[in-house]
Amino acid sequence: MTRRIYTLLAAFALVVLIGAPGIATAQSHSTSVDSSATYGQWKPGFGMQVRTLLESPHPEVQDNGMQLILHYAQRDADIDFAPAVPALFDVYDHAEHEGRRLLALRAIDAIGTDAHMQRLAQRLDTEVSDRVRDHTLRTLASRNPDE
């Protein structure tokens, strides 16, 4: 458990450090910078930073990226996670462990569009895992309760 906490903290630190230079530069250029103007400057690149985590060869780092998506998708609608979607589908399609695939499914559901849901539906015919197929069907049904 301690290793997982350290991995999560390291991933979060990476995200913060990558976003921090823009904030520091803006603050160093003017002493009268409004703090509300610099707040949120990390948002434009956040989706790409999360994608970097998802493309890591280390499953724990991928998990951290997906957890960041789930955390921020609920709290801030201004974040564009579109750059992370291809990497999420890669995890969903190719992760060895079903749990990781289901975490990717939750993240896709949290940020996905109707087009992404259609892509999930198209994968159902070739899905070999009953568990992943069942969860995907439930996810799709929750998006379209009338069908």
N, C-alpha and C. Protein backbone atom coordinates (compact mmCIF):
# COMPACT_ATOMS: atom_id res chain seq x y z
N MET A 1 0.83 -1.20 0.00
CA MET A 1 0.00 0.00 0.00
C MET A 1 0.87 1.26 0.00
N THR A 2 1.96 1.22 0.77
CA THR A 2 2.85 2.38 0.84
C THR A 2 3.46 2.67 -0.53
N ARG A 3 3.81 1.62 -1.26
CA ARG A 3 4.38 1.81 -2.60
C ARG A 3 3.38 2.50 -3.52
N ARG A 4 2.12 2.12 -3.40
CA ARG A 4 1.09 2.72 -4.23
C ARG A 4 0.92 4.21 -3.91
N ILE A 5 0.99 4.55 -2.64
CA ILE A 5 0.87 5.96 -2.24
C ILE A 5 2.04 6.75 -2.81
N TYR A 6 3.26 6.20 -2.71
CA TYR A 6 4.43 6.89 -3.25
C TYR A 6 4.32 7.04 -4.77
N THR A 7 3.81 6.02 -5.43
CA THR A 7 3.64 6.09 -6.89
C THR A 7 2.64 7.16 -7.25
N LEU A 8 1.53 7.21 -6.52
CA LEU A 8 0.51 8.23 -6.76
C LEU A 8 1.07 9.63 -6.53
N LEU A 9 1.81 9.79 -5.44
CA LEU A 9 2.42 11.09 -5.15
C LEU A 9 3.43 11.49 -6.23
N ALA A 10 4.20 10.52 -6.71
CA ALA A 10 5.18 10.81 -7.76
C ALA A 10 4.48 11.24 -9.04
N ALA A 11 3.40 10.55 -9.38
CA ALA A 11 2.65 10.91 -10.60
C ALA A 11 2.04 12.30 -10.45
N PHE A 12 1.48 12.58 -9.30
CA PHE A 12 0.88 13.89 -9.09
C PHE A 12 1.95 14.98 -9.13
N ALA A 13 3.11 14.69 -8.55
CA ALA A 13 4.21 15.66 -8.58
C ALA A 13 4.65 15.93 -10.01
N LEU A 14 4.69 14.89 -10.84
CA LEU A 14 5.04 15.07 -12.25
C LEU A 14 4.05 16.01 -12.92
N VAL A 15 2.78 15.79 -12.67
CA VAL A 15 1.75 16.64 -13.28
C VAL A 15 1.90 18.08 -12.81
N VAL A 16 2.13 18.26 -11.53
CA VAL A 16 2.28 19.61 -10.98
C VAL A 16 3.54 20.28 -11.52
N LEU A 17 4.64 19.54 -11.57
CA LEU A 17 5.90 20.13 -12.05
C LEU A 17 5.83 20.50 -13.52
N ILE A 18 5.16 19.69 -14.31
CA ILE A 18 5.06 20.01 -15.73
C ILE A 18 4.21 21.26 -15.93
N GLY A 19 3.20 21.43 -15.11
CA GLY A 19 2.34 22.59 -15.23
C GLY A 19 2.88 23.82 -14.53
N ALA A 20 3.77 23.65 -13.58
CA ALA A 20 4.24 24.76 -12.77
C ALA A 20 5.07 25.81 -13.50
N PRO A 21 5.93 25.47 -14.48
CA PRO A 21 6.74 26.51 -15.11
C PRO A 21 5.94 27.66 -15.70
N GLY A 22 4.81 27.39 -16.30
CA GLY A 22 3.99 28.46 -16.87
C GLY A 22 3.48 29.41 -15.81
N ILE A 23 3.13 28.87 -14.67
CA ILE A 23 2.65 29.71 -13.57
C ILE A 23 3.79 30.55 -13.02
N ALA A 24 4.94 29.92 -12.82
CA ALA A 24 6.09 30.66 -12.27
C ALA A 24 6.51 31.77 -13.22
N THR A 25 6.52 31.51 -14.52
CA THR A 25 6.91 32.52 -15.50
C THR A 25 5.94 33.69 -15.47
N ALA A 26 4.66 33.39 -15.42
CA ALA A 26 3.66 34.46 -15.40
C ALA A 26 3.81 35.32 -14.16
N GLN A 27 4.10 34.71 -13.05
CA GLN A 27 4.22 35.46 -11.81
C GLN A 27 5.51 36.27 -11.79
N SER A 28 6.58 35.78 -12.41
CA SER A 28 7.84 36.50 -12.37
C SER A 28 7.84 37.72 -13.29
N HIS A 29 6.95 37.78 -14.27
CA HIS A 29 6.92 38.89 -15.19
C HIS A 29 6.17 40.10 -14.64
N SER A 30 5.36 39.87 -13.65
CA SER A 30 4.59 40.98 -13.12
C SER A 30 4.33 40.78 -11.65
N THR A 31 4.52 41.83 -10.90
CA THR A 31 4.23 41.73 -9.48
C THR A 31 2.77 41.99 -9.19
N SER A 32 2.04 42.48 -10.19
CA SER A 32 0.63 42.76 -9.98
C SER A 32 -0.27 41.71 -10.62
N VAL A 33 0.27 40.50 -10.82
CA VAL A 33 -0.52 39.44 -11.42
C VAL A 33 -1.61 39.02 -10.45
N ASP A 34 -2.84 38.99 -10.93
CA ASP A 34 -3.96 38.54 -10.14
C ASP A 34 -3.85 37.03 -9.96
N SER A 35 -3.95 36.56 -8.74
CA SER A 35 -3.81 35.13 -8.50
C SER A 35 -4.88 34.34 -9.22
N SER A 36 -6.07 34.90 -9.43
CA SER A 36 -7.11 34.17 -10.15
C SER A 36 -6.76 34.03 -11.63
N ALA A 37 -5.90 34.90 -12.16
CA ALA A 37 -5.49 34.81 -13.56
C ALA A 37 -4.53 33.65 -13.75
N THR A 38 -3.67 33.38 -12.76
CA THR A 38 -2.73 32.29 -12.90
C THR A 38 -3.34 30.96 -12.49
N TYR A 39 -4.36 31.00 -11.66
CA TYR A 39 -5.02 29.76 -11.28
C TYR A 39 -5.68 29.16 -12.51
N GLY A 40 -5.38 27.94 -12.77
CA GLY A 40 -5.99 27.27 -13.90
C GLY A 40 -5.13 27.25 -15.15
N GLN A 41 -3.94 27.86 -15.11
CA GLN A 41 -3.08 27.82 -16.29
C GLN A 41 -2.56 26.42 -16.56
N TRP A 42 -2.65 25.56 -15.59
CA TRP A 42 -2.22 24.18 -15.77
C TRP A 42 -3.24 23.37 -16.56
N LYS A 43 -4.45 23.85 -16.65
CA LYS A 43 -5.53 23.07 -17.27
C LYS A 43 -5.32 22.76 -18.75
N PRO A 44 -4.85 23.70 -19.57
CA PRO A 44 -4.74 23.39 -21.00
C PRO A 44 -3.86 22.17 -21.32
N GLY A 45 -2.83 21.95 -20.57
CA GLY A 45 -1.93 20.83 -20.84
C GLY A 45 -2.18 19.60 -19.99
N PHE A 46 -3.16 19.66 -19.13
CA PHE A 46 -3.37 18.57 -18.18
C PHE A 46 -3.76 17.26 -18.88
N GLY A 47 -4.61 17.33 -19.89
CA GLY A 47 -5.01 16.13 -20.62
C GLY A 47 -3.81 15.43 -21.25
N MET A 48 -2.90 16.21 -21.80
CA MET A 48 -1.70 15.63 -22.40
C MET A 48 -0.77 15.05 -21.34
N GLN A 49 -0.70 15.69 -20.19
CA GLN A 49 0.12 15.17 -19.10
C GLN A 49 -0.43 13.84 -18.60
N VAL A 50 -1.75 13.75 -18.50
CA VAL A 50 -2.37 12.49 -18.08
C VAL A 50 -2.11 11.42 -19.15
N ARG A 51 -2.17 11.81 -20.41
CA ARG A 51 -1.87 10.85 -21.48
C ARG A 51 -0.47 10.27 -21.30
N THR A 52 0.48 11.12 -20.93
CA THR A 52 1.84 10.65 -20.69
C THR A 52 1.87 9.58 -19.60
N LEU A 53 1.08 9.79 -18.55
CA LEU A 53 0.99 8.79 -17.48
C LEU A 53 0.38 7.49 -18.02
N LEU A 54 -0.66 7.61 -18.83
CA LEU A 54 -1.34 6.43 -19.36
C LEU A 54 -0.46 5.64 -20.33
N GLU A 55 0.46 6.32 -20.98
CA GLU A 55 1.35 5.66 -21.93
C GLU A 55 2.60 5.08 -21.27
N SER A 56 2.69 5.21 -19.97
CA SER A 56 3.83 4.67 -19.24
C SER A 56 3.84 3.14 -19.35
N PRO A 57 5.02 2.54 -19.37
CA PRO A 57 5.10 1.08 -19.37
C PRO A 57 4.80 0.48 -17.99
N HIS A 58 4.65 1.32 -16.99
CA HIS A 58 4.41 0.86 -15.63
C HIS A 58 2.91 0.91 -15.31
N PRO A 59 2.29 -0.23 -15.08
CA PRO A 59 0.86 -0.27 -14.81
C PRO A 59 0.41 0.62 -13.65
N GLU A 60 1.24 0.74 -12.62
CA GLU A 60 0.86 1.58 -11.48
C GLU A 60 0.74 3.05 -11.89
N VAL A 61 1.61 3.48 -12.77
CA VAL A 61 1.56 4.86 -13.26
C VAL A 61 0.32 5.06 -14.13
N GLN A 62 -0.01 4.06 -14.94
CA GLN A 62 -1.24 4.12 -15.73
C GLN A 62 -2.45 4.23 -14.81
N ASP A 63 -2.45 3.42 -13.74
CA ASP A 63 -3.56 3.48 -12.78
C ASP A 63 -3.69 4.88 -12.19
N ASN A 64 -2.56 5.49 -11.87
CA ASN A 64 -2.59 6.84 -11.31
C ASN A 64 -3.18 7.84 -12.30
N GLY A 65 -2.83 7.70 -13.57
CA GLY A 65 -3.40 8.57 -14.60
C GLY A 65 -4.90 8.42 -14.68
N MET A 66 -5.39 7.19 -14.61
CA MET A 66 -6.83 6.97 -14.68
C MET A 66 -7.53 7.50 -13.43
N GLN A 67 -6.88 7.36 -12.29
CA GLN A 67 -7.45 7.89 -11.05
C GLN A 67 -7.50 9.42 -11.08
N LEU A 68 -6.49 10.05 -11.68
CA LEU A 68 -6.52 11.51 -11.83
C LEU A 68 -7.70 11.92 -12.72
N ILE A 69 -7.94 11.17 -13.79
CA ILE A 69 -9.08 11.48 -14.65
C ILE A 69 -10.37 11.40 -13.85
N LEU A 70 -10.54 10.31 -13.11
CA LEU A 70 -11.77 10.14 -12.33
C LEU A 70 -11.92 11.24 -11.28
N HIS A 71 -10.82 11.63 -10.68
CA HIS A 71 -10.86 12.68 -9.67
C HIS A 71 -11.25 14.03 -10.27
N TYR A 72 -10.56 14.44 -11.32
CA TYR A 72 -10.77 15.77 -11.88
C TYR A 72 -11.99 15.87 -12.79
N ALA A 73 -12.40 14.78 -13.41
CA ALA A 73 -13.58 14.83 -14.28
C ALA A 73 -14.83 15.20 -13.48
N GLN A 74 -14.87 14.82 -12.24
CA GLN A 74 -16.01 15.14 -11.37
C GLN A 74 -15.95 16.56 -10.82
N ARG A 75 -14.78 17.15 -10.80
CA ARG A 75 -14.60 18.42 -10.11
C ARG A 75 -14.39 19.62 -11.02
N ASP A 76 -13.99 19.40 -12.26
CA ASP A 76 -13.65 20.53 -13.11
C ASP A 76 -13.97 20.23 -14.56
N ALA A 77 -15.07 20.76 -15.03
CA ALA A 77 -15.52 20.50 -16.40
C ALA A 77 -14.68 21.26 -17.43
N ASP A 78 -13.82 22.18 -17.00
CA ASP A 78 -13.01 22.96 -17.93
C ASP A 78 -11.77 22.22 -18.44
N ILE A 79 -11.47 21.07 -17.86
CA ILE A 79 -10.28 20.33 -18.28
C ILE A 79 -10.61 19.51 -19.52
N ASP A 80 -9.77 19.64 -20.53
CA ASP A 80 -9.95 18.90 -21.77
C ASP A 80 -9.12 17.62 -21.70
N PHE A 81 -9.82 16.50 -21.51
CA PHE A 81 -9.14 15.21 -21.42
C PHE A 81 -9.04 14.50 -22.77
N ALA A 82 -9.46 15.16 -23.85
CA ALA A 82 -9.45 14.53 -25.17
C ALA A 82 -8.09 13.92 -25.54
N PRO A 83 -6.96 14.57 -25.22
CA PRO A 83 -5.68 13.96 -25.59
C PRO A 83 -5.44 12.60 -24.92
N ALA A 84 -6.09 12.35 -23.79
CA ALA A 84 -5.87 11.11 -23.06
C ALA A 84 -6.73 9.95 -23.57
N VAL A 85 -7.75 10.24 -24.35
CA VAL A 85 -8.70 9.20 -24.76
C VAL A 85 -8.04 8.06 -25.55
N PRO A 86 -7.18 8.33 -26.54
CA PRO A 86 -6.55 7.20 -27.24
C PRO A 86 -5.77 6.27 -26.31
N ALA A 87 -5.07 6.84 -25.36
CA ALA A 87 -4.31 6.02 -24.41
C ALA A 87 -5.24 5.23 -23.50
N LEU A 88 -6.38 5.82 -23.14
CA LEU A 88 -7.37 5.08 -22.34
C LEU A 88 -7.89 3.87 -23.09
N PHE A 89 -8.21 4.06 -24.37
CA PHE A 89 -8.68 2.93 -25.17
C PHE A 89 -7.59 1.87 -25.31
N ASP A 90 -6.34 2.29 -25.38
CA ASP A 90 -5.25 1.34 -25.46
C ASP A 90 -5.20 0.47 -24.19
N VAL A 91 -5.35 1.11 -23.03
CA VAL A 91 -5.38 0.36 -21.77
C VAL A 91 -6.60 -0.56 -21.75
N TYR A 92 -7.76 -0.03 -22.14
CA TYR A 92 -8.99 -0.82 -22.16
C TYR A 92 -8.83 -2.04 -23.08
N ASP A 93 -8.20 -1.87 -24.21
CA ASP A 93 -8.06 -2.96 -25.18
C ASP A 93 -6.96 -3.96 -24.84
N HIS A 94 -5.87 -3.50 -24.19
CA HIS A 94 -4.68 -4.34 -24.11
C HIS A 94 -4.15 -4.65 -22.71
N ALA A 95 -4.70 -4.06 -21.68
CA ALA A 95 -4.17 -4.34 -20.34
C ALA A 95 -4.35 -5.82 -20.01
N GLU A 96 -3.38 -6.37 -19.31
CA GLU A 96 -3.43 -7.79 -18.96
C GLU A 96 -4.48 -8.09 -17.89
N HIS A 97 -4.65 -7.19 -16.97
CA HIS A 97 -5.55 -7.43 -15.84
C HIS A 97 -6.92 -6.79 -16.09
N GLU A 98 -7.95 -7.56 -15.82
CA GLU A 98 -9.31 -7.06 -16.02
C GLU A 98 -9.59 -5.82 -15.17
N GLY A 99 -9.06 -5.79 -13.96
CA GLY A 99 -9.29 -4.64 -13.09
C GLY A 99 -8.79 -3.35 -13.71
N ARG A 100 -7.65 -3.40 -14.36
CA ARG A 100 -7.09 -2.23 -15.02
C ARG A 100 -7.96 -1.85 -16.23
N ARG A 101 -8.45 -2.83 -16.93
CA ARG A 101 -9.33 -2.57 -18.07
C ARG A 101 -10.63 -1.93 -17.59
N LEU A 102 -11.13 -2.39 -16.45
CA LEU A 102 -12.37 -1.82 -15.90
C LEU A 102 -12.14 -0.40 -15.40
N LEU A 103 -10.96 -0.12 -14.86
CA LEU A 103 -10.63 1.25 -14.46
C LEU A 103 -10.59 2.15 -15.69
N ALA A 104 -10.03 1.64 -16.79
CA ALA A 104 -10.03 2.41 -18.05
C ALA A 104 -11.46 2.65 -18.52
N LEU A 105 -12.31 1.66 -18.39
CA LEU A 105 -13.71 1.82 -18.77
C LEU A 105 -14.38 2.92 -17.94
N ARG A 106 -14.12 2.94 -16.64
CA ARG A 106 -14.68 3.99 -15.78
C ARG A 106 -14.19 5.37 -16.21
N ALA A 107 -12.91 5.46 -16.55
CA ALA A 107 -12.35 6.75 -16.98
C ALA A 107 -12.94 7.17 -18.33
N ILE A 108 -13.10 6.22 -19.25
CA ILE A 108 -13.73 6.55 -20.54
C ILE A 108 -15.15 7.03 -20.31
N ASP A 109 -15.86 6.37 -19.42
CA ASP A 109 -17.23 6.77 -19.11
C ASP A 109 -17.27 8.17 -18.51
N ALA A 110 -16.28 8.50 -17.68
CA ALA A 110 -16.25 9.80 -17.01
C ALA A 110 -16.01 10.95 -17.98
N ILE A 111 -15.23 10.72 -19.03
CA ILE A 111 -14.86 11.83 -19.93
C ILE A 111 -15.32 11.61 -21.36
N GLY A 112 -15.88 10.45 -21.64
CA GLY A 112 -16.19 10.08 -23.01
C GLY A 112 -17.41 10.77 -23.59
N THR A 113 -17.38 10.89 -24.89
CA THR A 113 -18.50 11.45 -25.65
C THR A 113 -19.35 10.30 -26.19
N ASP A 114 -20.42 10.64 -26.89
CA ASP A 114 -21.25 9.61 -27.52
C ASP A 114 -20.43 8.80 -28.52
N ALA A 115 -19.52 9.45 -29.22
CA ALA A 115 -18.67 8.74 -30.18
C ALA A 115 -17.79 7.71 -29.47
N HIS A 116 -17.30 8.05 -28.28
CA HIS A 116 -16.49 7.11 -27.52
C HIS A 116 -17.33 5.92 -27.06
N MET A 117 -18.57 6.18 -26.70
CA MET A 117 -19.46 5.10 -26.29
C MET A 117 -19.75 4.17 -27.47
N GLN A 118 -19.87 4.74 -28.65
CA GLN A 118 -20.06 3.91 -29.85
C GLN A 118 -18.85 3.03 -30.10
N ARG A 119 -17.67 3.58 -29.88
CA ARG A 119 -16.44 2.79 -30.03
C ARG A 119 -16.43 1.63 -29.05
N LEU A 120 -16.88 1.87 -27.82
CA LEU A 120 -16.97 0.79 -26.84
C LEU A 120 -17.96 -0.28 -27.31
N ALA A 121 -19.10 0.16 -27.79
CA ALA A 121 -20.13 -0.79 -28.25
C ALA A 121 -19.61 -1.65 -29.40
N GLN A 122 -18.83 -1.08 -30.28
CA GLN A 122 -18.28 -1.83 -31.41
C GLN A 122 -17.31 -2.92 -30.96
N ARG A 123 -16.70 -2.72 -29.81
CA ARG A 123 -15.72 -3.69 -29.31
C ARG A 123 -16.38 -4.90 -28.64
N LEU A 124 -17.66 -4.80 -28.35
CA LEU A 124 -18.34 -5.86 -27.60
C LEU A 124 -18.32 -7.21 -28.32
N ASP A 125 -18.45 -7.19 -29.63
CA ASP A 125 -18.49 -8.45 -30.39
C ASP A 125 -17.20 -9.25 -30.30
N THR A 126 -16.09 -8.57 -30.12
CA THR A 126 -14.81 -9.26 -30.07
C THR A 126 -14.24 -9.37 -28.65
N GLU A 127 -14.99 -8.91 -27.66
CA GLU A 127 -14.51 -8.95 -26.27
C GLU A 127 -14.46 -10.38 -25.76
N VAL A 128 -13.31 -10.81 -25.27
CA VAL A 128 -13.15 -12.18 -24.78
C VAL A 128 -13.47 -12.33 -23.30
N SER A 129 -13.41 -11.23 -22.56
CA SER A 129 -13.69 -11.29 -21.11
C SER A 129 -15.17 -11.04 -20.85
N ASP A 130 -15.81 -12.02 -20.24
CA ASP A 130 -17.23 -11.85 -19.88
C ASP A 130 -17.41 -10.70 -18.90
N ARG A 131 -16.49 -10.60 -17.96
CA ARG A 131 -16.58 -9.54 -16.95
C ARG A 131 -16.48 -8.15 -17.59
N VAL A 132 -15.51 -7.95 -18.46
CA VAL A 132 -15.34 -6.65 -19.13
C VAL A 132 -16.55 -6.37 -20.02
N ARG A 133 -17.02 -7.39 -20.72
CA ARG A 133 -18.19 -7.22 -21.59
C ARG A 133 -19.42 -6.80 -20.76
N ASP A 134 -19.64 -7.49 -19.63
CA ASP A 134 -20.79 -7.16 -18.79
C ASP A 134 -20.72 -5.73 -18.24
N HIS A 135 -19.55 -5.34 -17.78
CA HIS A 135 -19.39 -3.97 -17.26
C HIS A 135 -19.54 -2.94 -18.37
N THR A 136 -19.05 -3.26 -19.55
CA THR A 136 -19.19 -2.34 -20.67
C THR A 136 -20.66 -2.20 -21.05
N LEU A 137 -21.37 -3.31 -21.08
CA LEU A 137 -22.81 -3.25 -21.37
C LEU A 137 -23.55 -2.40 -20.34
N ARG A 138 -23.22 -2.57 -19.07
CA ARG A 138 -23.86 -1.77 -18.02
C ARG A 138 -23.52 -0.29 -18.16
N THR A 139 -22.29 0.00 -18.51
CA THR A 139 -21.88 1.39 -18.71
C THR A 139 -22.66 2.01 -19.86
N LEU A 140 -22.75 1.28 -20.96
CA LEU A 140 -23.49 1.78 -22.11
C LEU A 140 -24.97 1.94 -21.79
N ALA A 141 -25.53 1.00 -21.04
CA ALA A 141 -26.96 1.08 -20.67
C ALA A 141 -27.22 2.25 -19.75
N SER A 142 -26.28 2.57 -18.88
CA SER A 142 -26.49 3.71 -17.98
C SER A 142 -26.46 5.03 -18.74
N ARG A 143 -25.77 5.05 -19.87
CA ARG A 143 -25.74 6.24 -20.71
C ARG A 143 -27.01 6.39 -21.53
N ASN A 144 -27.66 5.27 -21.83
CA ASN A 144 -28.87 5.26 -22.66
C ASN A 144 -29.95 4.43 -21.96
N PRO A 145 -30.51 4.92 -20.87
CA PRO A 145 -31.46 4.11 -20.09
C PRO A 145 -32.74 3.76 -20.84
N ASP A 146 -33.09 4.49 -21.89
CA ASP A 146 -34.32 4.22 -22.62
C ASP A 146 -34.20 3.08 -23.61
N GLU A 147 -32.98 2.66 -23.90
CA GLU A 147 -32.79 1.62 -24.91
C GLU A 147 -32.76 0.25 -24.27
